[in-house]
Amino acid sequence: MLAADPSKELIDSYLNRSFCYQATAQGQLAGIIILLPTHPETLEIVNIAVDPKLRNQGIGQQLLAFAEKNARNKKYKCLEIGTGSTSFAQLYLYQKRGFRIVGIDQDFFSIHYNKEIIENKLVLKDMLRLKKLL
């Protein structure tokens, strides 16, 4: 979980209100996804992480497909996710899965994280908000 969200405090703030699922490969933990109901018809992916040794093998796509199916089965109408403005690979994956950018939380990471986050040689400041209607 810390690979996707380096703040233990923020993880603790949503973990007990969320649905947590794991993906396994050959009996080992391969990835996790945490889904949080945020509105009556909206489910947010608040954490998604894949073991670094197992990335680029479709596990992230499978977790996103699972989240979508899970949301539909539970009668949610919208699936949301937020990602860093410098998280280029994640942003590509989410858009490939049909998510659309709907907003920017300016300075989200500057405000909510004690330590500066460097990603793709850039200082991460803003969160991009994406949504997929189901």
N, C-alpha and C. Protein backbone atom coordinates (compact mmCIF):
# COMPACT_ATOMS: atom_id res chain seq x y z
N MET A 1 0.82 -1.20 0.00
CA MET A 1 0.00 0.00 0.00
C MET A 1 0.86 1.25 0.00
N LEU A 2 2.00 1.18 0.69
CA LEU A 2 2.88 2.35 0.75
C LEU A 2 3.54 2.64 -0.59
N ALA A 3 3.59 1.66 -1.48
CA ALA A 3 4.14 1.90 -2.82
C ALA A 3 3.24 2.85 -3.60
N ALA A 4 1.94 2.78 -3.36
CA ALA A 4 0.99 3.63 -4.07
C ALA A 4 0.70 4.92 -3.30
N ASP A 5 0.84 4.87 -1.99
CA ASP A 5 0.56 6.03 -1.15
C ASP A 5 1.59 6.05 -0.03
N PRO A 6 2.59 6.92 -0.10
CA PRO A 6 3.66 6.89 0.90
C PRO A 6 3.29 7.44 2.28
N SER A 7 2.04 7.77 2.50
CA SER A 7 1.61 8.29 3.80
C SER A 7 0.83 7.24 4.58
N LYS A 8 1.46 6.69 5.60
CA LYS A 8 0.78 5.71 6.46
C LYS A 8 -0.44 6.35 7.12
N GLU A 9 -0.34 7.62 7.47
CA GLU A 9 -1.46 8.32 8.12
C GLU A 9 -2.68 8.39 7.20
N LEU A 10 -2.46 8.71 5.93
CA LEU A 10 -3.59 8.77 5.00
C LEU A 10 -4.18 7.38 4.76
N ILE A 11 -3.32 6.38 4.64
CA ILE A 11 -3.81 5.00 4.47
C ILE A 11 -4.67 4.61 5.66
N ASP A 12 -4.17 4.89 6.86
CA ASP A 12 -4.94 4.56 8.07
C ASP A 12 -6.28 5.28 8.10
N SER A 13 -6.35 6.47 7.50
CA SER A 13 -7.59 7.25 7.56
C SER A 13 -8.70 6.65 6.69
N TYR A 14 -8.35 5.89 5.67
CA TYR A 14 -9.40 5.31 4.81
C TYR A 14 -9.50 3.79 4.88
N LEU A 15 -8.52 3.14 5.45
CA LEU A 15 -8.48 1.67 5.40
C LEU A 15 -9.68 1.01 6.07
N ASN A 16 -10.08 1.48 7.24
CA ASN A 16 -11.18 0.82 7.96
C ASN A 16 -12.56 1.12 7.36
N ARG A 17 -12.64 2.03 6.38
CA ARG A 17 -13.91 2.35 5.73
C ARG A 17 -13.98 1.77 4.31
N SER A 18 -12.99 0.96 3.95
CA SER A 18 -12.83 0.52 2.57
C SER A 18 -13.00 -0.99 2.40
N PHE A 19 -13.11 -1.38 1.14
CA PHE A 19 -13.08 -2.78 0.74
C PHE A 19 -11.68 -3.04 0.20
N CYS A 20 -10.98 -4.04 0.74
CA CYS A 20 -9.61 -4.34 0.33
C CYS A 20 -9.56 -5.69 -0.37
N TYR A 21 -8.89 -5.74 -1.51
CA TYR A 21 -8.76 -6.97 -2.28
C TYR A 21 -7.31 -7.15 -2.69
N GLN A 22 -6.92 -8.40 -2.87
CA GLN A 22 -5.55 -8.67 -3.29
C GLN A 22 -5.54 -9.56 -4.52
N ALA A 23 -4.49 -9.39 -5.31
CA ALA A 23 -4.25 -10.26 -6.46
C ALA A 23 -3.05 -11.13 -6.11
N THR A 24 -3.13 -12.39 -6.47
CA THR A 24 -2.01 -13.29 -6.22
C THR A 24 -1.52 -13.89 -7.53
N ALA A 25 -0.25 -14.24 -7.53
CA ALA A 25 0.37 -14.92 -8.67
C ALA A 25 1.28 -15.99 -8.09
N GLN A 26 1.02 -17.22 -8.46
CA GLN A 26 1.80 -18.37 -7.98
C GLN A 26 1.85 -18.41 -6.45
N GLY A 27 0.70 -18.12 -5.83
CA GLY A 27 0.58 -18.19 -4.38
C GLY A 27 1.19 -17.02 -3.63
N GLN A 28 1.69 -16.03 -4.33
CA GLN A 28 2.31 -14.87 -3.69
C GLN A 28 1.47 -13.62 -3.94
N LEU A 29 1.53 -12.69 -3.00
CA LEU A 29 0.84 -11.41 -3.17
C LEU A 29 1.45 -10.67 -4.36
N ALA A 30 0.61 -10.33 -5.34
CA ALA A 30 1.08 -9.64 -6.54
C ALA A 30 0.63 -8.19 -6.57
N GLY A 31 -0.51 -7.90 -5.95
CA GLY A 31 -1.02 -6.54 -5.96
C GLY A 31 -2.21 -6.39 -5.04
N ILE A 32 -2.57 -5.14 -4.80
CA ILE A 32 -3.74 -4.84 -3.95
C ILE A 32 -4.53 -3.71 -4.59
N ILE A 33 -5.81 -3.67 -4.23
CA ILE A 33 -6.66 -2.55 -4.62
C ILE A 33 -7.60 -2.28 -3.45
N ILE A 34 -7.77 -1.01 -3.14
CA ILE A 34 -8.64 -0.60 -2.03
C ILE A 34 -9.71 0.31 -2.60
N LEU A 35 -10.97 -0.05 -2.35
CA LEU A 35 -12.12 0.67 -2.88
C LEU A 35 -12.89 1.31 -1.73
N LEU A 36 -13.19 2.58 -1.87
CA LEU A 36 -13.86 3.35 -0.82
C LEU A 36 -15.15 3.96 -1.36
N PRO A 37 -16.30 3.63 -0.76
CA PRO A 37 -17.54 4.32 -1.14
C PRO A 37 -17.44 5.78 -0.70
N THR A 38 -17.60 6.70 -1.65
CA THR A 38 -17.47 8.12 -1.31
C THR A 38 -18.79 8.87 -1.40
N HIS A 39 -19.70 8.41 -2.24
CA HIS A 39 -21.03 8.98 -2.41
C HIS A 39 -21.98 7.80 -2.62
N PRO A 40 -23.29 8.01 -2.55
CA PRO A 40 -24.22 6.89 -2.70
C PRO A 40 -23.99 6.05 -3.95
N GLU A 41 -23.57 6.64 -5.05
CA GLU A 41 -23.40 5.88 -6.29
C GLU A 41 -21.98 5.90 -6.81
N THR A 42 -21.02 6.27 -5.95
CA THR A 42 -19.63 6.41 -6.38
C THR A 42 -18.71 5.57 -5.51
N LEU A 43 -17.81 4.86 -6.19
CA LEU A 43 -16.78 4.07 -5.52
C LEU A 43 -15.44 4.62 -6.00
N GLU A 44 -14.55 4.92 -5.06
CA GLU A 44 -13.24 5.46 -5.42
C GLU A 44 -12.15 4.44 -5.17
N ILE A 45 -11.26 4.31 -6.14
CA ILE A 45 -10.06 3.50 -5.96
C ILE A 45 -9.08 4.41 -5.22
N VAL A 46 -8.86 4.14 -3.94
CA VAL A 46 -8.00 5.01 -3.14
C VAL A 46 -6.57 4.48 -3.06
N ASN A 47 -6.37 3.23 -3.48
CA ASN A 47 -5.03 2.67 -3.48
C ASN A 47 -5.00 1.49 -4.43
N ILE A 48 -4.02 1.46 -5.29
CA ILE A 48 -3.79 0.33 -6.18
C ILE A 48 -2.28 0.20 -6.32
N ALA A 49 -1.77 -0.99 -6.07
CA ALA A 49 -0.32 -1.20 -6.13
C ALA A 49 -0.04 -2.61 -6.63
N VAL A 50 1.01 -2.72 -7.42
CA VAL A 50 1.48 -4.00 -7.94
C VAL A 50 2.93 -4.16 -7.51
N ASP A 51 3.29 -5.36 -7.10
CA ASP A 51 4.67 -5.67 -6.72
C ASP A 51 5.60 -5.21 -7.85
N PRO A 52 6.61 -4.42 -7.54
CA PRO A 52 7.51 -3.90 -8.59
C PRO A 52 8.10 -5.00 -9.48
N LYS A 53 8.34 -6.18 -8.95
CA LYS A 53 8.91 -7.27 -9.74
C LYS A 53 7.91 -7.85 -10.72
N LEU A 54 6.62 -7.54 -10.53
CA LEU A 54 5.56 -8.13 -11.36
C LEU A 54 4.84 -7.10 -12.24
N ARG A 55 5.37 -5.91 -12.30
CA ARG A 55 4.73 -4.86 -13.10
C ARG A 55 4.86 -5.15 -14.59
N ASN A 56 3.98 -4.52 -15.36
CA ASN A 56 3.94 -4.68 -16.83
C ASN A 56 3.59 -6.10 -17.26
N GLN A 57 2.80 -6.77 -16.42
CA GLN A 57 2.32 -8.12 -16.75
C GLN A 57 0.80 -8.17 -16.77
N GLY A 58 0.14 -7.01 -16.72
CA GLY A 58 -1.31 -6.96 -16.79
C GLY A 58 -2.02 -7.04 -15.46
N ILE A 59 -1.30 -7.11 -14.36
CA ILE A 59 -1.93 -7.23 -13.04
C ILE A 59 -2.71 -5.97 -12.70
N GLY A 60 -2.14 -4.80 -12.99
CA GLY A 60 -2.84 -3.55 -12.75
C GLY A 60 -4.13 -3.46 -13.54
N GLN A 61 -4.08 -3.87 -14.80
CA GLN A 61 -5.29 -3.88 -15.63
C GLN A 61 -6.34 -4.83 -15.06
N GLN A 62 -5.89 -5.99 -14.58
CA GLN A 62 -6.83 -6.95 -13.99
C GLN A 62 -7.45 -6.39 -12.72
N LEU A 63 -6.67 -5.69 -11.90
CA LEU A 63 -7.22 -5.08 -10.69
C LEU A 63 -8.25 -4.01 -11.04
N LEU A 64 -7.97 -3.22 -12.06
CA LEU A 64 -8.93 -2.20 -12.48
C LEU A 64 -10.20 -2.82 -13.04
N ALA A 65 -10.06 -3.90 -13.82
CA ALA A 65 -11.23 -4.60 -14.35
C ALA A 65 -12.05 -5.19 -13.20
N PHE A 66 -11.37 -5.73 -12.20
CA PHE A 66 -12.06 -6.25 -11.02
C PHE A 66 -12.84 -5.14 -10.31
N ALA A 67 -12.20 -3.99 -10.14
CA ALA A 67 -12.86 -2.86 -9.46
C ALA A 67 -14.11 -2.45 -10.21
N GLU A 68 -14.02 -2.41 -11.52
CA GLU A 68 -15.18 -2.02 -12.33
C GLU A 68 -16.31 -3.04 -12.20
N LYS A 69 -15.98 -4.31 -12.28
CA LYS A 69 -16.99 -5.37 -12.15
C LYS A 69 -17.61 -5.34 -10.75
N ASN A 70 -16.78 -5.18 -9.74
CA ASN A 70 -17.24 -5.11 -8.36
C ASN A 70 -18.19 -3.93 -8.17
N ALA A 71 -17.83 -2.78 -8.73
CA ALA A 71 -18.68 -1.58 -8.61
C ALA A 71 -20.02 -1.80 -9.30
N ARG A 72 -19.99 -2.37 -10.48
CA ARG A 72 -21.25 -2.63 -11.20
C ARG A 72 -22.13 -3.61 -10.42
N ASN A 73 -21.52 -4.66 -9.89
CA ASN A 73 -22.28 -5.66 -9.13
C ASN A 73 -22.92 -5.06 -7.89
N LYS A 74 -22.29 -4.05 -7.33
CA LYS A 74 -22.82 -3.39 -6.13
C LYS A 74 -23.67 -2.17 -6.48
N LYS A 75 -24.00 -2.02 -7.78
CA LYS A 75 -24.90 -0.98 -8.28
C LYS A 75 -24.34 0.43 -8.20
N TYR A 76 -23.00 0.57 -8.17
CA TYR A 76 -22.41 1.90 -8.26
C TYR A 76 -22.50 2.37 -9.70
N LYS A 77 -22.61 3.66 -9.90
CA LYS A 77 -22.74 4.23 -11.23
C LYS A 77 -21.45 4.89 -11.72
N CYS A 78 -20.51 5.09 -10.79
CA CYS A 78 -19.29 5.83 -11.12
C CYS A 78 -18.11 5.26 -10.34
N LEU A 79 -16.98 5.17 -11.03
CA LEU A 79 -15.73 4.74 -10.41
C LEU A 79 -14.75 5.89 -10.57
N GLU A 80 -14.09 6.28 -9.48
CA GLU A 80 -13.16 7.40 -9.50
C GLU A 80 -11.78 6.96 -9.04
N ILE A 81 -10.78 7.72 -9.45
CA ILE A 81 -9.40 7.47 -9.01
C ILE A 81 -8.64 8.78 -9.10
N GLY A 82 -7.67 8.95 -8.23
CA GLY A 82 -6.79 10.10 -8.28
C GLY A 82 -5.36 9.62 -8.47
N THR A 83 -4.57 10.38 -9.20
CA THR A 83 -3.16 10.02 -9.40
C THR A 83 -2.33 11.28 -9.51
N GLY A 84 -1.05 11.13 -9.29
CA GLY A 84 -0.16 12.26 -9.38
C GLY A 84 -0.02 12.78 -10.80
N SER A 85 0.15 14.08 -10.92
CA SER A 85 0.31 14.69 -12.25
C SER A 85 1.60 14.24 -12.92
N THR A 86 2.52 13.68 -12.16
CA THR A 86 3.78 13.17 -12.72
C THR A 86 3.78 11.64 -12.85
N SER A 87 2.64 11.01 -12.59
CA SER A 87 2.52 9.54 -12.66
C SER A 87 2.11 9.13 -14.06
N PHE A 88 3.04 9.27 -15.00
CA PHE A 88 2.71 9.12 -16.42
C PHE A 88 2.22 7.72 -16.78
N ALA A 89 2.87 6.69 -16.26
CA ALA A 89 2.46 5.31 -16.58
C ALA A 89 1.07 5.02 -16.04
N GLN A 90 0.79 5.45 -14.81
CA GLN A 90 -0.52 5.22 -14.22
C GLN A 90 -1.60 6.00 -14.97
N LEU A 91 -1.30 7.23 -15.31
CA LEU A 91 -2.24 8.06 -16.05
C LEU A 91 -2.59 7.42 -17.39
N TYR A 92 -1.59 6.88 -18.06
CA TYR A 92 -1.82 6.18 -19.33
C TYR A 92 -2.73 4.98 -19.11
N LEU A 93 -2.44 4.17 -18.09
CA LEU A 93 -3.23 2.97 -17.81
C LEU A 93 -4.69 3.34 -17.51
N TYR A 94 -4.92 4.32 -16.68
CA TYR A 94 -6.28 4.68 -16.31
C TYR A 94 -7.08 5.18 -17.52
N GLN A 95 -6.43 5.99 -18.35
CA GLN A 95 -7.13 6.47 -19.55
C GLN A 95 -7.37 5.33 -20.54
N LYS A 96 -6.44 4.41 -20.62
CA LYS A 96 -6.61 3.23 -21.48
C LYS A 96 -7.81 2.40 -21.03
N ARG A 97 -8.08 2.40 -19.72
CA ARG A 97 -9.22 1.66 -19.16
C ARG A 97 -10.51 2.48 -19.20
N GLY A 98 -10.48 3.66 -19.81
CA GLY A 98 -11.72 4.43 -19.99
C GLY A 98 -11.96 5.54 -18.99
N PHE A 99 -11.03 5.78 -18.09
CA PHE A 99 -11.19 6.89 -17.15
C PHE A 99 -10.88 8.20 -17.87
N ARG A 100 -11.61 9.26 -17.48
CA ARG A 100 -11.42 10.59 -18.07
C ARG A 100 -11.04 11.56 -16.95
N ILE A 101 -10.14 12.47 -17.27
CA ILE A 101 -9.73 13.49 -16.30
C ILE A 101 -10.90 14.46 -16.09
N VAL A 102 -11.25 14.67 -14.82
CA VAL A 102 -12.37 15.56 -14.50
C VAL A 102 -11.98 16.72 -13.60
N GLY A 103 -10.74 16.70 -13.10
CA GLY A 103 -10.34 17.81 -12.24
C GLY A 103 -8.90 17.68 -11.76
N ILE A 104 -8.45 18.75 -11.13
CA ILE A 104 -7.10 18.81 -10.57
C ILE A 104 -7.21 19.30 -9.14
N ASP A 105 -6.61 18.56 -8.20
CA ASP A 105 -6.48 19.03 -6.82
C ASP A 105 -5.09 19.67 -6.73
N GLN A 106 -5.05 20.99 -6.92
CA GLN A 106 -3.77 21.68 -6.92
C GLN A 106 -3.10 21.61 -5.56
N ASP A 107 -1.81 21.34 -5.57
CA ASP A 107 -0.96 21.27 -4.37
C ASP A 107 -1.38 20.18 -3.39
N PHE A 108 -2.14 19.18 -3.84
CA PHE A 108 -2.59 18.11 -2.95
C PHE A 108 -1.41 17.45 -2.24
N PHE A 109 -0.39 17.09 -2.99
CA PHE A 109 0.74 16.37 -2.39
C PHE A 109 1.62 17.29 -1.56
N SER A 110 1.70 18.55 -1.93
CA SER A 110 2.45 19.52 -1.13
C SER A 110 1.79 19.74 0.23
N ILE A 111 0.47 19.72 0.25
CA ILE A 111 -0.28 19.99 1.48
C ILE A 111 -0.36 18.75 2.37
N HIS A 112 -0.61 17.58 1.79
CA HIS A 112 -0.92 16.38 2.58
C HIS A 112 0.26 15.47 2.89
N TYR A 113 1.43 15.76 2.36
CA TYR A 113 2.59 14.90 2.58
C TYR A 113 3.73 15.73 3.16
N ASN A 114 4.36 15.19 4.20
CA ASN A 114 5.43 15.91 4.88
C ASN A 114 6.69 16.02 4.04
N LYS A 115 6.97 14.97 3.28
CA LYS A 115 8.19 14.93 2.49
C LYS A 115 7.88 15.18 1.01
N GLU A 116 8.77 15.87 0.36
CA GLU A 116 8.64 16.11 -1.07
C GLU A 116 8.74 14.78 -1.82
N ILE A 117 7.86 14.60 -2.81
CA ILE A 117 7.85 13.39 -3.62
C ILE A 117 8.41 13.74 -5.00
N ILE A 118 9.44 13.00 -5.41
CA ILE A 118 10.01 13.17 -6.73
C ILE A 118 9.61 11.96 -7.56
N GLU A 119 9.02 12.21 -8.71
CA GLU A 119 8.58 11.14 -9.59
C GLU A 119 8.89 11.55 -11.02
N ASN A 120 9.52 10.66 -11.76
CA ASN A 120 9.92 10.97 -13.14
C ASN A 120 10.74 12.27 -13.21
N LYS A 121 11.58 12.46 -12.21
CA LYS A 121 12.50 13.61 -12.10
C LYS A 121 11.77 14.95 -11.94
N LEU A 122 10.51 14.88 -11.49
CA LEU A 122 9.72 16.08 -11.25
C LEU A 122 9.18 16.07 -9.82
N VAL A 123 9.02 17.25 -9.23
CA VAL A 123 8.40 17.35 -7.91
C VAL A 123 6.90 17.19 -8.09
N LEU A 124 6.34 16.22 -7.38
CA LEU A 124 4.90 15.95 -7.45
C LEU A 124 4.16 16.94 -6.56
N LYS A 125 3.24 17.68 -7.16
CA LYS A 125 2.46 18.66 -6.41
C LYS A 125 0.96 18.42 -6.54
N ASP A 126 0.49 18.17 -7.76
CA ASP A 126 -0.95 18.14 -8.02
C ASP A 126 -1.48 16.72 -8.22
N MET A 127 -2.72 16.50 -7.81
CA MET A 127 -3.41 15.24 -8.06
C MET A 127 -4.40 15.45 -9.20
N LEU A 128 -4.36 14.55 -10.17
CA LEU A 128 -5.36 14.55 -11.23
C LEU A 128 -6.48 13.61 -10.81
N ARG A 129 -7.70 14.07 -10.94
CA ARG A 129 -8.87 13.28 -10.59
C ARG A 129 -9.47 12.73 -11.88
N LEU A 130 -9.74 11.42 -11.89
CA LEU A 130 -10.32 10.76 -13.07
C LEU A 130 -11.59 10.04 -12.68
N LYS A 131 -12.47 9.88 -13.68
CA LYS A 131 -13.78 9.26 -13.42
C LYS A 131 -14.14 8.38 -14.60
N LYS A 132 -14.84 7.30 -14.28
CA LYS A 132 -15.40 6.42 -15.32
C LYS A 132 -16.84 6.15 -14.96
N LEU A 133 -17.75 6.50 -15.86
CA LEU A 133 -19.16 6.20 -15.64
C LEU A 133 -19.40 4.75 -16.03
N LEU A 134 -20.17 4.05 -15.20
CA LEU A 134 -20.39 2.61 -15.42
C LEU A 134 -21.73 2.36 -16.08
